[in-house]
Amino acid sequence: MASASTRALLPLIIFIALVALLFYGLQLDPRKVPSPLVGKPAPSFELASLEDPQRIITSDLLLGRVSLVNVWASWCPSCRAEHGELMAIARDHPEVQMIGFNWKDTRPEALEMLRRYGNPYLVSAYDPDNRYGLHWGVYGAPETFIVDAEGIIRYKHIGPVDRQVWDEKIRPIVEQYQPKTS
């Protein structure tokens, strides 16, 4: 049977353990959530084009070239913040196929954003009700996936893409998976 002094220390020990766990958790970067999809084929999708609702965009579009799939929405302030960098990447790196994944948005507002700020995307798939975003593990915007020419997800970035993210994280992976020309 535990002594009275040992029983009195038990709440203190539990409190110290909880504080240690909290302190550890505060040190973690919430943007470093590992995606279970990295290294696996990109989930298939079949969605209407944002620009042309009669055109159906499928995951077959991701085959043959390295693709940067960017999840965005007009209501997302971080998406607006990254938009200029995406325009620069599209302009300066034509070897990268940039695909938009317009998520939980309305068509008129999304089209207005592209009209006002420019359109860096080859095409944007329109997923207003998160039908396919769930399969990709999307839980917020912006999120950016790198998909290799075989349709395998090689990287997922959560948060806006800026020059530093492009230079230090995304571009090296894009270059690694670019098909080699002989």
Protein backbone atom coordinates (compact mmCIF):
# COMPACT_ATOMS: atom_id res chain seq x y z
CA MET A 1 0.00 0.00 0.00
CA ALA A 2 1.38 3.41 -1.00
CA SER A 3 2.25 5.86 1.69
CA ALA A 4 0.43 9.17 2.07
CA SER A 5 3.41 11.13 0.72
CA THR A 6 3.57 8.95 -2.43
CA ARG A 7 -0.17 9.45 -3.04
CA ALA A 8 0.28 13.19 -2.61
CA LEU A 9 3.03 13.24 -5.28
CA LEU A 10 0.95 11.36 -7.87
CA PRO A 11 -1.05 14.44 -9.06
CA LEU A 12 2.19 16.42 -9.35
CA ILE A 13 3.82 13.67 -11.45
CA ILE A 14 0.77 13.50 -13.73
CA PHE A 15 0.75 17.31 -14.06
CA ILE A 16 4.46 17.39 -14.99
CA ALA A 17 3.92 14.63 -17.59
CA LEU A 18 1.01 16.54 -19.16
CA VAL A 19 3.02 19.77 -19.29
CA ALA A 20 5.90 17.90 -20.96
CA LEU A 21 3.52 16.47 -23.60
CA LEU A 22 1.98 19.89 -24.21
CA PHE A 23 5.42 21.49 -24.57
CA TYR A 24 6.45 18.77 -27.06
CA GLY A 25 3.25 19.27 -29.07
CA LEU A 26 3.80 23.02 -29.29
CA GLN A 27 7.19 22.40 -30.92
CA LEU A 28 5.64 20.45 -33.84
CA ASP A 29 4.96 22.16 -37.16
CA PRO A 30 1.29 21.63 -38.15
CA ARG A 31 2.31 21.94 -41.84
CA LYS A 32 4.41 18.80 -41.56
CA VAL A 33 1.47 16.42 -41.56
CA PRO A 34 2.67 13.37 -43.47
CA SER A 35 0.38 12.35 -46.31
CA PRO A 36 -0.33 8.64 -46.64
CA LEU A 37 -0.66 9.26 -50.40
CA VAL A 38 3.00 10.16 -50.99
CA GLY A 39 4.56 7.34 -53.01
CA LYS A 40 1.18 6.07 -54.19
CA PRO A 41 -0.83 6.66 -57.36
CA ALA A 42 -2.83 9.88 -57.34
CA PRO A 43 -6.50 9.17 -56.62
CA SER A 44 -8.58 9.06 -59.74
CA PHE A 45 -11.05 11.84 -60.39
CA GLU A 46 -13.56 12.91 -62.98
CA LEU A 47 -14.64 16.52 -62.55
CA ALA A 48 -16.03 19.30 -64.69
CA SER A 49 -13.63 22.01 -65.74
CA LEU A 50 -14.05 25.24 -63.82
CA GLU A 51 -13.83 27.25 -67.05
CA ASP A 52 -16.03 24.95 -69.18
CA PRO A 53 -18.58 22.84 -67.25
CA GLN A 54 -19.12 20.69 -70.36
CA ARG A 55 -15.47 19.57 -70.36
CA ILE A 56 -14.66 16.67 -68.06
CA ILE A 57 -11.19 16.53 -66.55
CA THR A 58 -9.89 13.17 -65.41
CA SER A 59 -6.84 11.93 -63.57
CA ASP A 60 -5.44 10.76 -66.94
CA LEU A 61 -4.32 14.37 -67.36
CA LEU A 62 -1.64 13.68 -64.73
CA LEU A 63 0.15 11.11 -66.86
CA GLY A 64 3.14 11.89 -69.07
CA ARG A 65 4.41 15.08 -67.38
CA VAL A 66 5.30 16.20 -63.89
CA SER A 67 2.28 18.01 -62.51
CA LEU A 68 1.89 20.52 -59.74
CA VAL A 69 -1.69 20.07 -58.49
CA ASN A 70 -2.71 23.13 -56.50
CA VAL A 71 -5.83 23.07 -54.31
CA TRP A 72 -7.26 26.58 -54.15
CA ALA A 73 -10.40 28.62 -53.55
CA SER A 74 -11.38 32.23 -54.11
CA TRP A 75 -12.43 32.62 -50.45
CA CYS A 76 -8.97 31.54 -49.22
CA PRO A 77 -6.65 34.46 -48.26
CA SER A 78 -3.56 32.22 -48.39
CA CYS A 79 -4.53 31.13 -51.92
CA ARG A 80 -4.58 34.77 -52.98
CA ALA A 81 -1.21 35.30 -51.28
CA GLU A 82 0.41 32.47 -53.23
CA HIS A 83 -1.24 33.31 -56.54
CA GLY A 84 1.52 35.65 -57.76
CA GLU A 85 4.16 32.98 -57.14
CA LEU A 86 2.07 30.40 -59.02
CA MET A 87 1.85 32.83 -61.95
CA ALA A 88 5.66 33.18 -61.90
CA ILE A 89 6.17 29.41 -61.76
CA ALA A 90 3.79 28.88 -64.68
CA ARG A 91 5.60 31.55 -66.69
CA ASP A 92 9.17 30.53 -65.84
CA HIS A 93 8.76 26.74 -65.76
CA PRO A 94 6.67 25.58 -68.72
CA GLU A 95 7.96 22.04 -68.21
CA VAL A 96 5.73 21.84 -65.11
CA GLN A 97 2.09 21.14 -65.83
CA MET A 98 0.13 23.23 -63.32
CA ILE A 99 -3.33 21.85 -62.59
CA GLY A 100 -5.79 23.73 -60.41
CA PHE A 101 -8.14 21.92 -58.08
CA ASN A 102 -10.81 24.49 -57.21
CA TRP A 103 -12.17 23.31 -53.87
CA LYS A 104 -15.37 24.14 -51.98
CA ASP A 105 -15.88 27.27 -54.03
CA THR A 106 -18.53 28.81 -56.25
CA ARG A 107 -17.90 28.97 -59.97
CA PRO A 108 -18.55 32.74 -60.39
CA GLU A 109 -16.20 33.77 -57.56
CA ALA A 110 -13.47 31.36 -58.69
CA LEU A 111 -13.67 32.58 -62.30
CA GLU A 112 -13.57 36.19 -61.09
CA MET A 113 -10.40 35.53 -59.11
CA LEU A 114 -8.69 34.03 -62.18
CA ARG A 115 -9.91 36.92 -64.34
CA ARG A 116 -8.63 39.51 -61.87
CA TYR A 117 -5.27 37.97 -60.90
CA GLY A 118 -4.44 35.78 -63.90
CA ASN A 119 -4.69 32.06 -64.50
CA PRO A 120 -1.55 30.00 -63.88
CA TYR A 121 -3.33 26.69 -64.51
CA LEU A 122 -3.45 24.61 -67.65
CA VAL A 123 -6.92 23.71 -66.39
CA SER A 124 -8.82 23.81 -63.10
CA ALA A 125 -10.99 20.92 -61.98
CA TYR A 126 -14.07 22.10 -60.12
CA ASP A 127 -14.88 20.28 -56.84
CA PRO A 128 -17.47 22.47 -55.07
CA ASP A 129 -18.73 19.78 -52.71
CA ASN A 130 -15.40 18.10 -51.86
CA ARG A 131 -16.40 14.92 -53.69
CA TYR A 132 -12.83 14.20 -54.77
CA GLY A 133 -10.91 16.38 -52.32
CA LEU A 134 -11.64 13.77 -49.66
CA HIS A 135 -9.86 11.09 -51.73
CA TRP A 136 -6.80 13.34 -51.98
CA GLY A 137 -6.79 13.94 -48.22
CA VAL A 138 -7.46 17.64 -48.65
CA TYR A 139 -8.48 19.35 -45.44
CA GLY A 140 -7.65 22.95 -46.24
CA ALA A 141 -6.52 25.29 -48.94
CA PRO A 142 -4.00 25.86 -50.25
CA GLU A 143 -2.40 22.47 -50.59
CA THR A 144 -0.03 21.52 -53.39
CA PHE A 145 0.86 18.06 -54.65
CA ILE A 146 3.70 17.06 -56.96
CA VAL A 147 2.67 14.17 -59.19
CA ASP A 148 5.32 12.51 -61.35
CA ALA A 149 4.84 11.55 -65.02
CA GLU A 150 3.61 8.08 -63.99
CA GLY A 151 0.85 9.57 -61.82
CA ILE A 152 2.56 8.91 -58.46
CA ILE A 153 2.26 11.56 -55.73
CA ARG A 154 5.81 12.50 -54.73
CA TYR A 155 5.22 15.38 -52.33
CA LYS A 156 2.47 17.29 -50.56
CA HIS A 157 2.88 20.85 -49.31
CA ILE A 158 0.34 22.34 -46.93
CA GLY A 159 0.08 26.12 -46.98
CA PRO A 160 0.96 28.78 -49.52
CA VAL A 161 3.74 28.33 -52.04
CA ASP A 162 6.16 31.26 -51.94
CA ARG A 163 9.59 31.73 -53.55
CA GLN A 164 11.38 29.99 -50.66
CA VAL A 165 9.03 26.98 -50.69
CA TRP A 166 9.42 26.72 -54.48
CA ASP A 167 13.22 27.02 -54.41
CA GLU A 168 13.91 24.82 -51.39
CA LYS A 169 11.17 22.19 -51.42
CA ILE A 170 9.12 21.93 -54.59
CA ARG A 171 11.54 22.71 -57.43
CA PRO A 172 14.15 20.10 -56.35
CA ILE A 173 11.46 17.39 -56.31
CA VAL A 174 10.05 18.55 -59.67
CA GLU A 175 13.56 18.41 -61.17
CA GLN A 176 14.18 14.97 -59.67
CA TYR A 177 11.10 13.52 -61.35
CA GLN A 178 11.32 15.29 -64.71
CA PRO A 179 11.54 12.67 -67.46
CA LYS A 180 15.12 12.49 -68.73
CA THR A 181 15.59 13.40 -72.36
CA SER A 182 18.27 11.54 -74.32
